[in-house]
Amino acid sequence: MPHRIFEKREYKQMKVTALLPDEMIREAMELSDTSSVTDALKTALTHYISIEKIKRASESIAAEPLVFYYTAEELRFKNQS
């Protein structure tokens, strides 16, 4: 089962009017290799959402670190058994 951060989601569509710098849109289209403003914005928002989810997961792990009960050597031995 994929982690929630990486799952593909279908969203309802919303029409948006936004005032953005032309150069920002051109650069987003170029970097995302898209031919429409809509696709460039979808790509940019998808990346932004993913990055923010990863940051939050990292903060959660930092706040409550993982605990390992076996050393690397013990795990190797268990895996070879």
PDB file of N, CA and C in Angstrom:
ATOM      1  N   MET A   1       0.844  -1.181   0.000  1.00  0.00           N
ATOM      2  CA  MET A   1       0.000   0.000   0.000  1.00  0.00           C
ATOM      3  C   MET A   1       0.890   1.245   0.000  1.00  0.00           C
ATOM      4  N   PRO A   2       0.705   2.150  -0.978  1.00  0.00           N
ATOM      5  CA  PRO A   2       1.556   3.330  -1.035  1.00  0.00           C
ATOM      6  C   PRO A   2       1.289   4.263   0.140  1.00  0.00           C
ATOM      7  N   HIS A   3       2.325   4.997   0.505  1.00  0.00           N
ATOM      8  CA  HIS A   3       2.192   5.968   1.583  1.00  0.00           C
ATOM      9  C   HIS A   3       1.307   7.115   1.113  1.00  0.00           C
ATOM     10  N   ARG A   4       0.576   7.722   2.029  1.00  0.00           N
ATOM     11  CA  ARG A   4      -0.344   8.814   1.691  1.00  0.00           C
ATOM     12  C   ARG A   4       0.342   9.956   0.962  1.00  0.00           C
ATOM     13  N   ILE A   5       1.602  10.192   1.246  1.00  0.00           N
ATOM     14  CA  ILE A   5       2.307  11.305   0.611  1.00  0.00           C
ATOM     15  C   ILE A   5       2.358  11.134  -0.902  1.00  0.00           C
ATOM     16  N   PHE A   6       2.485   9.889  -1.359  1.00  0.00           N
ATOM     17  CA  PHE A   6       2.732   9.650  -2.771  1.00  0.00           C
ATOM     18  C   PHE A   6       1.512   9.150  -3.533  1.00  0.00           C
ATOM     19  N   GLU A   7       0.378   9.032  -2.877  1.00  0.00           N
ATOM     20  CA  GLU A   7      -0.780   8.506  -3.586  1.00  0.00           C
ATOM     21  C   GLU A   7      -1.290   9.507  -4.621  1.00  0.00           C
ATOM     22  N   LYS A   8      -1.813   8.988  -5.698  1.00  0.00           N
ATOM     23  CA  LYS A   8      -2.368   9.813  -6.772  1.00  0.00           C
ATOM     24  C   LYS A   8      -3.808  10.141  -6.390  1.00  0.00           C
ATOM     25  N   ARG A   9      -4.168  11.414  -6.488  1.00  0.00           N
ATOM     26  CA  ARG A   9      -5.516  11.832  -6.120  1.00  0.00           C
ATOM     27  C   ARG A   9      -6.205  12.485  -7.294  1.00  0.00           C
ATOM     28  N   GLU A  10      -7.494  12.316  -7.348  1.00  0.00           N
ATOM     29  CA  GLU A  10      -8.317  13.030  -8.320  1.00  0.00           C
ATOM     30  C   GLU A  10      -9.024  14.140  -7.559  1.00  0.00           C
ATOM     31  N   TYR A  11      -8.935  15.344  -8.072  1.00  0.00           N
ATOM     32  CA  TYR A  11      -9.545  16.490  -7.437  1.00  0.00           C
ATOM     33  C   TYR A  11     -10.721  16.983  -8.270  1.00  0.00           C
ATOM     34  N   LYS A  12     -11.704  17.575  -7.585  1.00  0.00           N
ATOM     35  CA  LYS A  12     -12.745  18.298  -8.314  1.00  0.00           C
ATOM     36  C   LYS A  12     -12.067  19.493  -8.962  1.00  0.00           C
ATOM     37  N   GLN A  13     -12.614  19.954 -10.052  1.00  0.00           N
ATOM     38  CA  GLN A  13     -11.989  21.074 -10.744  1.00  0.00           C
ATOM     39  C   GLN A  13     -12.543  22.403 -10.243  1.00  0.00           C
ATOM     40  N   MET A  14     -11.657  23.397 -10.184  1.00  0.00           N
ATOM     41  CA  MET A  14     -12.029  24.740  -9.758  1.00  0.00           C
ATOM     42  C   MET A  14     -11.466  25.724 -10.771  1.00  0.00           C
ATOM     43  N   LYS A  15     -12.280  26.632 -11.216  1.00  0.00           N
ATOM     44  CA  LYS A  15     -11.787  27.670 -12.117  1.00  0.00           C
ATOM     45  C   LYS A  15     -11.161  28.762 -11.264  1.00  0.00           C
ATOM     46  N   VAL A  16      -9.954  29.188 -11.648  1.00  0.00           N
ATOM     47  CA  VAL A  16      -9.200  30.148 -10.848  1.00  0.00           C
ATOM     48  C   VAL A  16      -8.749  31.313 -11.728  1.00  0.00           C
ATOM     49  N   THR A  17      -8.871  32.501 -11.190  1.00  0.00           N
ATOM     50  CA  THR A  17      -8.298  33.679 -11.834  1.00  0.00           C
ATOM     51  C   THR A  17      -7.174  34.158 -10.925  1.00  0.00           C
ATOM     52  N   ALA A  18      -5.975  34.257 -11.478  1.00  0.00           N
ATOM     53  CA  ALA A  18      -4.828  34.666 -10.665  1.00  0.00           C
ATOM     54  C   ALA A  18      -3.961  35.635 -11.455  1.00  0.00           C
ATOM     55  N   LEU A  19      -3.434  36.612 -10.757  1.00  0.00           N
ATOM     56  CA  LEU A  19      -2.509  37.556 -11.384  1.00  0.00           C
ATOM     57  C   LEU A  19      -1.094  37.114 -11.031  1.00  0.00           C
ATOM     58  N   LEU A  20      -0.398  36.571 -12.024  1.00  0.00           N
ATOM     59  CA  LEU A  20       0.955  36.048 -11.830  1.00  0.00           C
ATOM     60  C   LEU A  20       1.880  36.677 -12.861  1.00  0.00           C
ATOM     61  N   PRO A  21       3.141  36.876 -12.497  1.00  0.00           N
ATOM     62  CA  PRO A  21       4.094  37.445 -13.454  1.00  0.00           C
ATOM     63  C   PRO A  21       4.268  36.550 -14.687  1.00  0.00           C
ATOM     64  N   ASP A  22       4.268  37.166 -15.861  1.00  0.00           N
ATOM     65  CA  ASP A  22       4.428  36.414 -17.110  1.00  0.00           C
ATOM     66  C   ASP A  22       5.671  35.533 -17.075  1.00  0.00           C
ATOM     67  N   GLU A  23       6.787  36.088 -16.614  1.00  0.00           N
ATOM     68  CA  GLU A  23       8.041  35.332 -16.598  1.00  0.00           C
ATOM     69  C   GLU A  23       7.936  34.100 -15.701  1.00  0.00           C
ATOM     70  N   MET A  24       7.221  34.216 -14.588  1.00  0.00           N
ATOM     71  CA  MET A  24       7.038  33.073 -13.689  1.00  0.00           C
ATOM     72  C   MET A  24       6.275  31.951 -14.395  1.00  0.00           C
ATOM     73  N   ILE A  25       5.243  32.317 -15.127  1.00  0.00           N
ATOM     74  CA  ILE A  25       4.455  31.320 -15.862  1.00  0.00           C
ATOM     75  C   ILE A  25       5.290  30.696 -16.978  1.00  0.00           C
ATOM     76  N   ARG A  26       6.025  31.533 -17.733  1.00  0.00           N
ATOM     77  CA  ARG A  26       6.883  30.996 -18.809  1.00  0.00           C
ATOM     78  C   ARG A  26       7.911  30.015 -18.247  1.00  0.00           C
ATOM     79  N   GLU A  27       8.533  30.405 -17.136  1.00  0.00           N
ATOM     80  CA  GLU A  27       9.540  29.531 -16.532  1.00  0.00           C
ATOM     81  C   GLU A  27       8.916  28.237 -16.023  1.00  0.00           C
ATOM     82  N   ALA A  28       7.748  28.333 -15.410  1.00  0.00           N
ATOM     83  CA  ALA A  28       7.063  27.127 -14.914  1.00  0.00           C
ATOM     84  C   ALA A  28       6.709  26.202 -16.075  1.00  0.00           C
ATOM     85  N   MET A  29       6.253  26.773 -17.173  1.00  0.00           N
ATOM     86  CA  MET A  29       5.910  25.958 -18.342  1.00  0.00           C
ATOM     87  C   MET A  29       7.153  25.294 -18.926  1.00  0.00           C
ATOM     88  N   GLU A  30       8.239  26.042 -18.970  1.00  0.00           N
ATOM     89  CA  GLU A  30       9.489  25.492 -19.514  1.00  0.00           C
ATOM     90  C   GLU A  30      10.014  24.367 -18.622  1.00  0.00           C
ATOM     91  N   LEU A  31      10.074  24.623 -17.318  1.00  0.00           N
ATOM     92  CA  LEU A  31      10.621  23.620 -16.392  1.00  0.00           C
ATOM     93  C   LEU A  31       9.745  22.377 -16.278  1.00  0.00           C
ATOM     94  N   SER A  32       8.447  22.561 -16.417  1.00  0.00           N
ATOM     95  CA  SER A  32       7.542  21.413 -16.314  1.00  0.00           C
ATOM     96  C   SER A  32       7.318  20.747 -17.667  1.00  0.00           C
ATOM     97  N   ASP A  33       7.907  21.326 -18.704  1.00  0.00           N
ATOM     98  CA  ASP A  33       7.778  20.796 -20.069  1.00  0.00           C
ATOM     99  C   ASP A  33       6.307  20.641 -20.457  1.00  0.00           C
ATOM    100  N   THR A  34       5.518  21.681 -20.171  1.00  0.00           N
ATOM    101  CA  THR A  34       4.105  21.673 -20.519  1.00  0.00           C
ATOM    102  C   THR A  34       3.822  22.773 -21.529  1.00  0.00           C
ATOM    103  N   SER A  35       2.708  22.640 -22.225  1.00  0.00           N
ATOM    104  CA  SER A  35       2.373  23.630 -23.251  1.00  0.00           C
ATOM    105  C   SER A  35       1.205  24.516 -22.836  1.00  0.00           C
ATOM    106  N   SER A  36       0.673  24.285 -21.644  1.00  0.00           N
ATOM    107  CA  SER A  36      -0.435  25.131 -21.194  1.00  0.00           C
ATOM    108  C   SER A  36      -0.177  25.623 -19.774  1.00  0.00           C
ATOM    109  N   VAL A  37      -0.759  26.773 -19.488  1.00  0.00           N
ATOM    110  CA  VAL A  37      -0.634  27.349 -18.150  1.00  0.00           C
ATOM    111  C   VAL A  37      -1.267  26.402 -17.134  1.00  0.00           C
ATOM    112  N   THR A  38      -2.411  25.848 -17.477  1.00  0.00           N
ATOM    113  CA  THR A  38      -3.106  24.931 -16.566  1.00  0.00           C
ATOM    114  C   THR A  38      -2.225  23.750 -16.191  1.00  0.00           C
ATOM    115  N   ASP A  39      -1.602  23.113 -17.176  1.00  0.00           N
ATOM    116  CA  ASP A  39      -0.748  21.957 -16.888  1.00  0.00           C
ATOM    117  C   ASP A  39       0.480  22.353 -16.069  1.00  0.00           C
ATOM    118  N   ALA A  40       1.039  23.535 -16.361  1.00  0.00           N
ATOM    119  CA  ALA A  40       2.195  24.006 -15.597  1.00  0.00           C
ATOM    120  C   ALA A  40       1.812  24.240 -14.139  1.00  0.00           C
ATOM    121  N   LEU A  41       0.664  24.860 -13.911  1.00  0.00           N
ATOM    122  CA  LEU A  41       0.216  25.109 -12.542  1.00  0.00           C
ATOM    123  C   LEU A  41      -0.120  23.812 -11.820  1.00  0.00           C
ATOM    124  N   LYS A  42      -0.733  22.852 -12.513  1.00  0.00           N
ATOM    125  CA  LYS A  42      -1.016  21.539 -11.905  1.00  0.00           C
ATOM    126  C   LYS A  42       0.283  20.865 -11.477  1.00  0.00           C
ATOM    127  N   THR A  43       1.279  20.910 -12.357  1.00  0.00           N
ATOM    128  CA  THR A  43       2.572  20.305 -12.042  1.00  0.00           C
ATOM    129  C   THR A  43       3.221  21.004 -10.849  1.00  0.00           C
ATOM    130  N   ALA A  44       3.213  22.324 -10.873  1.00  0.00           N
ATOM    131  CA  ALA A  44       3.827  23.085  -9.784  1.00  0.00           C
ATOM    132  C   ALA A  44       3.124  22.820  -8.457  1.00  0.00           C
ATOM    133  N   LEU A  45       1.807  22.810  -8.459  1.00  0.00           N
ATOM    134  CA  LEU A  45       1.061  22.561  -7.220  1.00  0.00           C
ATOM    135  C   LEU A  45       1.250  21.129  -6.729  1.00  0.00           C
ATOM    136  N   THR A  46       1.306  20.184  -7.640  1.00  0.00           N
ATOM    137  CA  THR A  46       1.543  18.786  -7.255  1.00  0.00           C
ATOM    138  C   THR A  46       2.886  18.656  -6.558  1.00  0.00           C
ATOM    139  N   HIS A  47       3.914  19.288  -7.125  1.00  0.00           N
ATOM    140  CA  HIS A  47       5.247  19.247  -6.511  1.00  0.00           C
ATOM    141  C   HIS A  47       5.252  19.953  -5.155  1.00  0.00           C
ATOM    142  N   TYR A  48       4.622  21.093  -5.087  1.00  0.00           N
ATOM    143  CA  TYR A  48       4.572  21.850  -3.833  1.00  0.00           C
ATOM    144  C   TYR A  48       3.883  21.025  -2.744  1.00  0.00           C
ATOM    145  N   ILE A  49       2.750  20.430  -3.066  1.00  0.00           N
ATOM    146  CA  ILE A  49       2.009  19.616  -2.087  1.00  0.00           C
ATOM    147  C   ILE A  49       2.869  18.452  -1.617  1.00  0.00           C
ATOM    148  N   SER A  50       3.540  17.783  -2.541  1.00  0.00           N
ATOM    149  CA  SER A  50       4.407  16.654  -2.174  1.00  0.00           C
ATOM    150  C   SER A  50       5.527  17.085  -1.241  1.00  0.00           C
ATOM    151  N   ILE A  51       6.169  18.185  -1.566  1.00  0.00           N
ATOM    152  CA  ILE A  51       7.282  18.682  -0.745  1.00  0.00           C
ATOM    153  C   ILE A  51       6.802  19.040   0.656  1.00  0.00           C
ATOM    154  N   GLU A  52       5.659  19.703   0.748  1.00  0.00           N
ATOM    155  CA  GLU A  52       5.139  20.087   2.061  1.00  0.00           C
ATOM    156  C   GLU A  52       4.758  18.856   2.892  1.00  0.00           C
ATOM    157  N   LYS A  53       4.205  17.835   2.243  1.00  0.00           N
ATOM    158  CA  LYS A  53       3.861  16.599   2.966  1.00  0.00           C
ATOM    159  C   LYS A  53       5.122  15.903   3.471  1.00  0.00           C
ATOM    160  N   ILE A  54       6.168  15.906   2.656  1.00  0.00           N
ATOM    161  CA  ILE A  54       7.433  15.301   3.071  1.00  0.00           C
ATOM    162  C   ILE A  54       8.024  16.070   4.249  1.00  0.00           C
ATOM    163  N   LYS A  55       7.971  17.405   4.189  1.00  0.00           N
ATOM    164  CA  LYS A  55       8.468  18.219   5.305  1.00  0.00           C
ATOM    165  C   LYS A  55       7.725  17.890   6.595  1.00  0.00           C
ATOM    166  N   ARG A  56       6.412  17.792   6.503  1.00  0.00           N
ATOM    167  CA  ARG A  56       5.614  17.489   7.699  1.00  0.00           C
ATOM    168  C   ARG A  56       5.915  16.097   8.231  1.00  0.00           C
ATOM    169  N   ALA A  57       6.099  15.131   7.338  1.00  0.00           N
ATOM    170  CA  ALA A  57       6.452  13.784   7.782  1.00  0.00           C
ATOM    171  C   ALA A  57       7.814  13.799   8.460  1.00  0.00           C
ATOM    172  N   SER A  58       8.756  14.556   7.901  1.00  0.00           N
ATOM    173  CA  SER A  58      10.093  14.668   8.495  1.00  0.00           C
ATOM    174  C   SER A  58      10.026  15.293   9.880  1.00  0.00           C
ATOM    175  N   GLU A  59       9.225  16.336  10.013  1.00  0.00           N
ATOM    176  CA  GLU A  59       9.073  16.983  11.313  1.00  0.00           C
ATOM    177  C   GLU A  59       8.462  16.022  12.331  1.00  0.00           C
ATOM    178  N   SER A  60       7.528  15.218  11.873  1.00  0.00           N
ATOM    179  CA  SER A  60       6.887  14.242  12.756  1.00  0.00           C
ATOM    180  C   SER A  60       7.895  13.194  13.227  1.00  0.00           C
ATOM    181  N   ILE A  61       8.726  12.735  12.312  1.00  0.00           N
ATOM    182  CA  ILE A  61       9.748  11.738  12.669  1.00  0.00           C
ATOM    183  C   ILE A  61      10.790  12.360  13.584  1.00  0.00           C
ATOM    184  N   ALA A  62      11.157  13.616  13.326  1.00  0.00           N
ATOM    185  CA  ALA A  62      12.139  14.303  14.174  1.00  0.00           C
ATOM    186  C   ALA A  62      11.587  14.483  15.590  1.00  0.00           C
ATOM    187  N   ALA A  63      10.288  14.763  15.685  1.00  0.00           N
ATOM    188  CA  ALA A  63       9.667  14.962  16.998  1.00  0.00           C
ATOM    189  C   ALA A  63       9.547  13.649  17.766  1.00  0.00           C
ATOM    190  N   GLU A  64       9.364  12.567  17.031  1.00  0.00           N
ATOM    191  CA  GLU A  64       9.225  11.253  17.652  1.00  0.00           C
ATOM    192  C   GLU A  64      10.062  10.261  16.851  1.00  0.00           C
ATOM    193  N   PRO A  65      11.376  10.228  17.088  1.00  0.00           N
ATOM    194  CA  PRO A  65      12.283   9.410  16.269  1.00  0.00           C
ATOM    195  C   PRO A  65      11.949   7.922  16.308  1.00  0.00           C
ATOM    196  N   LEU A  66      12.325   7.260  15.231  1.00  0.00           N
ATOM    197  CA  LEU A  66      12.168   5.815  15.171  1.00  0.00           C
ATOM    198  C   LEU A  66      13.127   5.160  16.145  1.00  0.00           C
ATOM    199  N   VAL A  67      12.687   4.057  16.725  1.00  0.00           N
ATOM    200  CA  VAL A  67      13.527   3.321  17.674  1.00  0.00           C
ATOM    201  C   VAL A  67      13.820   1.958  17.057  1.00  0.00           C
ATOM    202  N   PHE A  68      15.088   1.618  16.991  1.00  0.00           N
ATOM    203  CA  PHE A  68      15.485   0.320  16.456  1.00  0.00           C
ATOM    204  C   PHE A  68      15.893  -0.576  17.608  1.00  0.00           C
ATOM    205  N   TYR A  69      15.382  -1.784  17.604  1.00  0.00           N
ATOM    206  CA  TYR A  69      15.615  -2.704  18.704  1.00  0.00           C
ATOM    207  C   TYR A  69      16.773  -3.654  18.441  1.00  0.00           C
ATOM    208  N   TYR A  70      17.266  -3.702  17.210  1.00  0.00           N
ATOM    209  CA  TYR A  70      18.350  -4.599  16.850  1.00  0.00           C
ATOM    210  C   TYR A  70      19.486  -3.798  16.221  1.00  0.00           C
ATOM    211  N   THR A  71      20.689  -4.275  16.397  1.00  0.00           N
ATOM    212  CA  THR A  71      21.830  -3.666  15.716  1.00  0.00           C
ATOM    213  C   THR A  71      21.842  -4.179  14.275  1.00  0.00           C
ATOM    214  N   ALA A  72      22.636  -3.544  13.437  1.00  0.00           N
ATOM    215  CA  ALA A  72      22.751  -3.981  12.039  1.00  0.00           C
ATOM    216  C   ALA A  72      23.240  -5.420  11.971  1.00  0.00           C
ATOM    217  N   GLU A  73      24.182  -5.762  12.834  1.00  0.00           N
ATOM    218  CA  GLU A  73      24.714  -7.130  12.856  1.00  0.00           C
ATOM    219  C   GLU A  73      23.629  -8.135  13.236  1.00  0.00           C
ATOM    220  N   GLU A  74      22.825  -7.796  14.231  1.00  0.00           N
ATOM    221  CA  GLU A  74      21.742  -8.697  14.651  1.00  0.00           C
ATOM    222  C   GLU A  74      20.716  -8.877  13.532  1.00  0.00           C
ATOM    223  N   LEU A  75      20.419  -7.819  12.820  1.00  0.00           N
ATOM    224  CA  LEU A  75      19.473  -7.925  11.713  1.00  0.00           C
ATOM    225  C   LEU A  75      20.024  -8.778  10.577  1.00  0.00           C
ATOM    226  N   ARG A  76      21.325  -8.609  10.276  1.00  0.00           N
ATOM    227  CA  ARG A  76      21.941  -9.458   9.246  1.00  0.00           C
ATOM    228  C   ARG A  76      21.831 -10.916   9.634  1.00  0.00           C
ATOM    229  N   PHE A  77      22.106 -11.227  10.883  1.00  0.00           N
ATOM    230  CA  PHE A  77      22.030 -12.611  11.349  1.00  0.00           C
ATOM    231  C   PHE A  77      20.606 -13.133  11.223  1.00  0.00           C
ATOM    232  N   LYS A  78      19.621 -12.334  11.628  1.00  0.00           N
ATOM    233  CA  LYS A  78      18.217 -12.750  11.532  1.00  0.00           C
ATOM    234  C   LYS A  78      17.813 -12.972  10.071  1.00  0.00           C
ATOM    235  N   ASN A  79      18.259 -12.106   9.190  1.00  0.00           N
ATOM    236  CA  ASN A  79      17.905 -12.238   7.773  1.00  0.00           C
ATOM    237  C   ASN A  79      18.552 -13.455   7.111  1.00  0.00           C
ATOM    238  N   GLN A  80      19.696 -13.865   7.606  1.00  0.00           N
ATOM    239  CA  GLN A  80      20.387 -15.022   7.040  1.00  0.00           C
ATOM    240  C   GLN A  80      19.842 -16.329   7.583  1.00  0.00           C
ATOM    241  N   SER A  81      19.113 -16.268   8.659  1.00  0.00           N
ATOM    242  CA  SER A  81      18.579 -17.484   9.300  1.00  0.00           C
ATOM    243  C   SER A  81      17.375 -17.999   8.563  1.00  0.00           C
TER     244      SER A  81
END
